[in-house]
Amino acid sequence: MIKKHKLIPLDIITFGYILFKLIYILAGWNRIDQPLRHVISYVSILIFVIVIQRLYRPGHNILIKFLRYAYPLLFLGFFFNASTLVDRVIFPDYLDPIFQQIDYIMFGYQPAIEWGMAYDHVIIQEIFHFAYFSYYIVIPLVAILILINKYEYFSKFIFTMLFVFYICYITYSIFPVIGARYWEELFQLTMTYRGGLFTRIMAFIYSNSQHTGAAFPSSHVAITMIVNIGAYKYSNLLGMILVPLSLALFISTVYCHYHYFVDVIFGIVYAAVLFKPAELLHDYLDNL
């Protein structure tokens, strides 16, 4: 049971993440566009977290509990976009040619180009674009199910997922990689309205998104794997049901021209390596 005004594990890693980003921005001040704007945004989020922490009381209804234990979900869009805007502090140029070469060494061709071009049937396009889009549905669905039916696990589940998100976003800030959309023809293709419903939905999302970069590792892959493991711990049946969808999503990141194959590999590695340490860290911080 959370005590009045107690910092929860999620607060601690969120504070740590924001502190890292502030230090990183200060270190690269002259290499970042409008750095003061980023500082103000991060400090504003920090103040919001403190307010939420101070106002929360045990016994609040389930919606307030969701906000208390999952508030960083509100800022993931900002955190993601902000990471792509401060990603050339250490490396001044995008590292995509290196990742393209790695894929070529593995396959002898560029899967991020070839898969979607070679199997360009409208039904196949829809299957994989739906799989990619399902990311935005499965995360809140699993979180809500756990909150309602297995509340004692909810804090750890959200913490683990956000911990991996933060590690991915820190990686994005250090290693500037656009992904397969680095190729101009693929950049335009991902924003072209064609095919069925989900192919068009994803084209709409990318046509109205301002970000570039943030491809290595694939957070879609890493977080999907984390959520799938969490779903399995909540319900073995639900976890098994999500496995085919998760595998389709892994393929879709390359098929839909968003990522290099190596991004998928490291998304899996991040999830596999970080899941258990994140849970252990949650338990340690919760007992402080």
Protein backbone atom coordinates (compact mmCIF):
# COMPACT_ATOMS: atom_id res chain seq x y z
CA MET A 1 0.00 0.00 0.00
CA ILE A 2 1.38 3.36 -1.03
CA LYS A 3 1.85 5.76 1.84
CA LYS A 4 0.81 9.39 1.75
CA HIS A 5 3.33 11.44 -0.26
CA LYS A 6 5.66 8.46 -0.69
CA LEU A 7 7.81 8.41 -3.80
CA ILE A 8 6.98 5.29 -5.74
CA PRO A 9 9.57 3.46 -7.88
CA LEU A 10 8.16 5.02 -11.04
CA ASP A 11 8.75 8.52 -9.62
CA ILE A 12 12.38 7.70 -8.92
CA ILE A 13 13.25 6.43 -12.40
CA THR A 14 11.25 9.25 -14.02
CA PHE A 15 13.18 11.81 -11.97
CA GLY A 16 16.39 10.03 -12.95
CA TYR A 17 15.45 10.02 -16.62
CA ILE A 18 14.58 13.72 -16.63
CA LEU A 19 17.78 14.55 -14.75
CA PHE A 20 19.82 12.63 -17.33
CA LYS A 21 18.12 14.47 -20.20
CA LEU A 22 18.67 17.87 -18.56
CA ILE A 23 22.38 17.13 -18.05
CA TYR A 24 22.63 15.82 -21.61
CA ILE A 25 20.99 18.96 -23.01
CA LEU A 26 23.27 21.21 -20.98
CA ALA A 27 26.33 19.28 -22.19
CA GLY A 28 25.27 19.63 -25.81
CA TRP A 29 23.72 23.10 -25.52
CA ASN A 30 25.43 24.51 -28.62
CA ARG A 31 24.58 21.47 -30.75
CA ILE A 32 20.84 21.37 -29.99
CA ASP A 33 18.16 23.49 -31.63
CA GLN A 34 16.30 25.62 -29.04
CA PRO A 35 17.74 23.85 -25.98
CA LEU A 36 15.96 26.17 -23.55
CA ARG A 37 12.61 24.95 -24.86
CA HIS A 38 13.59 21.38 -23.99
CA VAL A 39 14.74 22.38 -20.52
CA ILE A 40 11.46 24.19 -19.81
CA SER A 41 9.45 21.18 -21.03
CA TYR A 42 11.34 18.68 -18.88
CA VAL A 43 11.20 20.92 -15.80
CA SER A 44 7.44 21.36 -16.34
CA ILE A 45 6.97 17.59 -16.39
CA LEU A 46 9.08 17.32 -13.24
CA ILE A 47 6.79 19.81 -11.50
CA PHE A 48 3.74 17.87 -12.69
CA VAL A 49 5.13 14.66 -11.19
CA ILE A 50 5.75 16.38 -7.86
CA VAL A 51 2.19 17.75 -7.84
CA ILE A 52 0.71 14.32 -8.59
CA GLN A 53 2.88 12.77 -5.89
CA ARG A 54 1.80 15.35 -3.31
CA LEU A 55 -1.92 15.22 -4.10
CA TYR A 56 -2.36 11.45 -4.25
CA ARG A 57 -4.09 9.75 -1.34
CA PRO A 58 -4.56 6.00 -0.77
CA GLY A 59 -8.15 5.06 -1.46
CA HIS A 60 -8.61 7.21 -4.52
CA ASN A 61 -10.73 5.66 -7.27
CA ILE A 62 -9.26 3.44 -9.94
CA LEU A 63 -8.84 6.23 -12.50
CA ILE A 64 -6.76 8.28 -10.07
CA LYS A 65 -4.74 5.17 -9.24
CA PHE A 66 -4.09 4.63 -12.95
CA LEU A 67 -2.86 8.21 -13.28
CA ARG A 68 -0.67 7.88 -10.18
CA TYR A 69 1.01 4.67 -11.29
CA ALA A 70 1.07 5.28 -15.06
CA TYR A 71 1.34 9.06 -15.57
CA PRO A 72 4.51 8.82 -17.76
CA LEU A 73 2.32 7.28 -20.47
CA LEU A 74 0.94 10.80 -20.95
CA PHE A 75 4.42 12.05 -21.87
CA LEU A 76 5.74 9.21 -24.03
CA GLY A 77 4.98 11.10 -27.23
CA PHE A 78 6.96 14.08 -26.00
CA PHE A 79 9.80 11.96 -24.66
CA PHE A 80 10.06 10.14 -28.00
CA ASN A 81 10.01 13.27 -30.17
CA ALA A 82 12.36 15.13 -27.83
CA SER A 83 14.87 12.28 -28.08
CA THR A 84 14.97 12.68 -31.88
CA LEU A 85 15.67 16.41 -31.53
CA VAL A 86 18.72 16.03 -29.28
CA ASP A 87 20.24 12.96 -30.92
CA ARG A 88 23.28 14.50 -32.62
CA VAL A 89 25.20 15.75 -29.64
CA ILE A 90 27.82 12.97 -29.68
CA PHE A 91 27.56 11.90 -33.33
CA PRO A 92 26.97 14.88 -35.65
CA ASP A 93 25.72 12.70 -38.53
CA TYR A 94 23.11 9.97 -38.73
CA LEU A 95 24.56 6.48 -38.37
CA ASP A 96 22.20 4.80 -40.85
CA PRO A 97 24.89 3.75 -43.36
CA ILE A 98 26.46 1.57 -40.65
CA PHE A 99 23.16 -0.15 -39.88
CA GLN A 100 22.39 -0.61 -43.57
CA GLN A 101 25.75 -2.32 -43.95
CA ILE A 102 25.02 -4.65 -41.03
CA ASP A 103 21.72 -5.69 -42.62
CA TYR A 104 23.42 -6.22 -45.95
CA ILE A 105 26.08 -8.42 -44.37
CA MET A 106 23.36 -10.57 -42.77
CA PHE A 107 21.08 -10.89 -45.82
CA GLY A 108 23.02 -9.88 -48.92
CA TYR A 109 20.26 -7.33 -49.60
CA GLN A 110 18.29 -4.71 -47.69
CA PRO A 111 15.26 -6.41 -46.04
CA ALA A 112 13.81 -3.02 -45.10
CA ILE A 113 13.46 -2.33 -48.83
CA GLU A 114 12.92 -5.76 -50.30
CA TRP A 115 10.34 -7.36 -48.00
CA GLY A 116 7.67 -4.72 -48.45
CA MET A 117 8.38 -4.40 -52.17
CA ALA A 118 8.51 -8.11 -52.99
CA TYR A 119 5.28 -8.96 -51.12
CA ASP A 120 3.23 -5.89 -51.96
CA HIS A 121 -0.22 -7.46 -51.97
CA VAL A 122 -2.94 -5.36 -50.34
CA ILE A 123 -3.89 -8.15 -47.91
CA ILE A 124 -0.30 -8.69 -46.80
CA GLN A 125 0.13 -4.93 -46.43
CA GLU A 126 -2.97 -4.78 -44.24
CA ILE A 127 -1.90 -7.71 -42.04
CA PHE A 128 1.47 -6.21 -41.24
CA HIS A 129 0.29 -2.60 -40.93
CA PHE A 130 -2.42 -3.82 -38.54
CA ALA A 131 0.24 -5.72 -36.58
CA TYR A 132 2.33 -2.57 -36.32
CA PHE A 133 -0.70 -0.46 -35.34
CA SER A 134 -1.78 -3.01 -32.71
CA TYR A 135 1.06 -1.66 -30.55
CA TYR A 136 -1.13 1.35 -29.74
CA ILE A 137 -4.02 -0.90 -28.73
CA VAL A 138 -2.34 -3.74 -26.85
CA ILE A 139 -0.34 -1.58 -24.43
CA PRO A 140 -3.33 0.23 -22.84
CA LEU A 141 -5.51 -2.89 -23.09
CA VAL A 142 -3.09 -5.09 -21.14
CA ALA A 143 -2.40 -2.29 -18.65
CA ILE A 144 -6.11 -1.78 -17.95
CA LEU A 145 -6.76 -5.51 -17.61
CA ILE A 146 -3.93 -5.83 -15.09
CA LEU A 147 -5.08 -2.74 -13.19
CA ILE A 148 -8.63 -4.06 -12.85
CA ASN A 149 -7.94 -7.74 -12.25
CA LYS A 150 -4.43 -7.99 -10.80
CA TYR A 151 -3.84 -4.65 -9.13
CA GLU A 152 -0.94 -5.88 -7.00
CA TYR A 153 1.09 -6.50 -10.19
CA PHE A 154 0.12 -3.26 -11.95
CA SER A 155 2.84 -1.04 -10.43
CA LYS A 156 5.61 -3.50 -11.34
CA PHE A 157 4.25 -4.01 -14.86
CA ILE A 158 4.10 -0.28 -15.61
CA PHE A 159 7.50 0.31 -13.99
CA THR A 160 9.15 -2.41 -16.08
CA MET A 161 7.62 -1.12 -19.29
CA LEU A 162 8.59 2.52 -18.58
CA PHE A 163 12.09 1.50 -17.51
CA VAL A 164 12.65 -0.09 -20.92
CA PHE A 165 11.08 2.92 -22.64
CA TYR A 166 13.51 5.23 -20.83
CA ILE A 167 16.53 3.10 -21.73
CA CYS A 168 15.42 3.11 -25.38
CA TYR A 169 14.95 6.88 -25.36
CA ILE A 170 18.38 7.41 -23.82
CA THR A 171 19.84 5.21 -26.56
CA TYR A 172 18.03 7.30 -29.20
CA SER A 173 19.60 10.46 -27.83
CA ILE A 174 23.08 8.97 -28.08
CA PHE A 175 22.86 7.05 -31.37
CA PRO A 176 21.14 9.02 -34.17
CA VAL A 177 19.51 6.48 -36.48
CA ILE A 178 16.50 7.37 -38.64
CA GLY A 179 15.74 3.84 -39.74
CA ALA A 180 14.71 2.54 -43.16
CA ARG A 181 12.94 5.84 -43.84
CA TYR A 182 16.46 7.25 -44.23
CA TRP A 183 16.04 6.29 -47.90
CA GLU A 184 14.01 9.08 -49.50
CA GLU A 185 11.88 6.72 -51.59
CA LEU A 186 10.87 4.78 -48.48
CA PHE A 187 10.30 7.98 -46.53
CA GLN A 188 7.74 9.02 -49.15
CA LEU A 189 6.24 5.53 -49.39
CA THR A 190 5.49 5.37 -45.67
CA MET A 191 3.41 8.54 -46.05
CA THR A 192 1.56 7.48 -49.21
CA TYR A 193 -2.14 6.67 -48.83
CA ARG A 194 -2.67 3.28 -50.43
CA GLY A 195 -4.07 -0.16 -49.69
CA GLY A 196 -6.57 -0.76 -46.91
CA LEU A 197 -7.59 0.82 -43.63
CA PHE A 198 -4.54 0.15 -41.46
CA THR A 199 -2.06 0.89 -44.23
CA ARG A 200 -3.76 4.28 -44.56
CA ILE A 201 -3.86 4.82 -40.80
CA MET A 202 -0.13 4.33 -40.54
CA ALA A 203 0.44 6.62 -43.54
CA PHE A 204 -1.68 9.25 -41.75
CA ILE A 205 0.35 8.88 -38.54
CA TYR A 206 3.67 9.25 -40.32
CA SER A 207 2.41 12.07 -42.53
CA ASN A 208 1.51 14.04 -39.42
CA SER A 209 4.54 13.14 -37.34
CA GLN A 210 7.44 15.57 -37.14
CA HIS A 211 10.06 13.17 -35.81
CA THR A 212 13.03 11.72 -37.61
CA GLY A 213 15.28 9.12 -36.13
CA ALA A 214 14.77 6.97 -33.04
CA ALA A 215 15.10 3.61 -34.77
CA PHE A 216 17.80 1.80 -32.79
CA PRO A 217 16.68 -0.27 -31.01
CA SER A 218 13.06 -0.72 -32.08
CA SER A 219 10.98 0.33 -29.07
CA HIS A 220 7.98 -1.21 -30.85
CA VAL A 221 9.72 -4.57 -30.58
CA ALA A 222 11.17 -4.08 -27.09
CA ILE A 223 7.95 -2.83 -25.50
CA THR A 224 5.75 -5.34 -27.32
CA MET A 225 7.92 -8.13 -25.89
CA ILE A 226 7.75 -6.60 -22.39
CA VAL A 227 3.97 -6.26 -22.62
CA ASN A 228 3.63 -9.81 -23.93
CA ILE A 229 5.64 -11.15 -21.00
CA GLY A 230 3.58 -9.04 -18.60
CA ALA A 231 0.36 -10.28 -20.20
CA TYR A 232 1.55 -13.88 -19.77
CA LYS A 233 2.28 -13.28 -16.08
CA TYR A 234 -1.22 -11.83 -15.73
CA SER A 235 -2.90 -14.57 -17.77
CA ASN A 236 -1.10 -17.45 -19.49
CA LEU A 237 -3.89 -17.61 -22.06
CA LEU A 238 -3.72 -13.91 -22.91
CA GLY A 239 0.06 -14.09 -23.18
CA MET A 240 -0.11 -17.03 -25.61
CA ILE A 241 -2.82 -15.31 -27.68
CA LEU A 242 -0.61 -12.25 -28.09
CA VAL A 243 2.48 -14.20 -29.22
CA PRO A 244 1.47 -14.48 -32.94
CA LEU A 245 0.53 -10.80 -32.99
CA SER A 246 3.86 -9.88 -31.39
CA LEU A 247 5.80 -11.93 -33.94
CA ALA A 248 3.86 -10.29 -36.78
CA LEU A 249 4.69 -6.89 -35.29
CA PHE A 250 8.40 -7.76 -35.18
CA ILE A 251 8.31 -8.54 -38.91
CA SER A 252 6.15 -5.51 -39.67
CA THR A 253 8.75 -3.06 -38.39
CA VAL A 254 10.99 -4.10 -41.29
CA TYR A 255 8.27 -4.98 -43.82
CA CYS A 256 6.60 -1.57 -43.43
CA HIS A 257 9.96 0.17 -44.02
CA TYR A 258 10.32 1.69 -40.55
CA HIS A 259 13.33 -0.20 -39.19
CA TYR A 260 16.43 -2.12 -40.14
CA PHE A 261 16.49 -5.78 -39.16
CA VAL A 262 19.29 -5.10 -36.67
CA ASP A 263 16.89 -2.73 -34.85
CA VAL A 264 14.55 -5.67 -34.30
CA ILE A 265 17.35 -7.86 -32.96
CA PHE A 266 18.38 -5.25 -30.42
CA GLY A 267 14.74 -4.56 -29.49
CA ILE A 268 14.47 -8.22 -28.51
CA VAL A 269 17.82 -8.07 -26.69
CA TYR A 270 16.81 -4.96 -24.73
CA ALA A 271 13.57 -6.60 -23.59
CA ALA A 272 15.20 -9.92 -22.72
CA VAL A 273 18.11 -8.35 -20.84
CA LEU A 274 16.20 -5.60 -19.02
CA PHE A 275 12.96 -7.31 -17.98
CA LYS A 276 14.16 -9.13 -14.87
CA PRO A 277 16.56 -6.39 -13.67
CA ALA A 278 13.72 -3.88 -14.01
CA GLU A 279 11.44 -6.02 -11.84
CA LEU A 280 14.19 -6.44 -9.24
CA LEU A 281 14.88 -2.71 -9.29
CA HIS A 282 11.18 -2.03 -8.74
CA ASP A 283 11.12 -4.27 -5.67
CA TYR A 284 14.29 -2.66 -4.28
CA LEU A 285 13.00 0.89 -4.74
CA ASP A 286 9.59 -0.05 -3.38
CA ASN A 287 11.21 -1.20 -0.13
CA LEU A 288 13.28 1.92 0.45
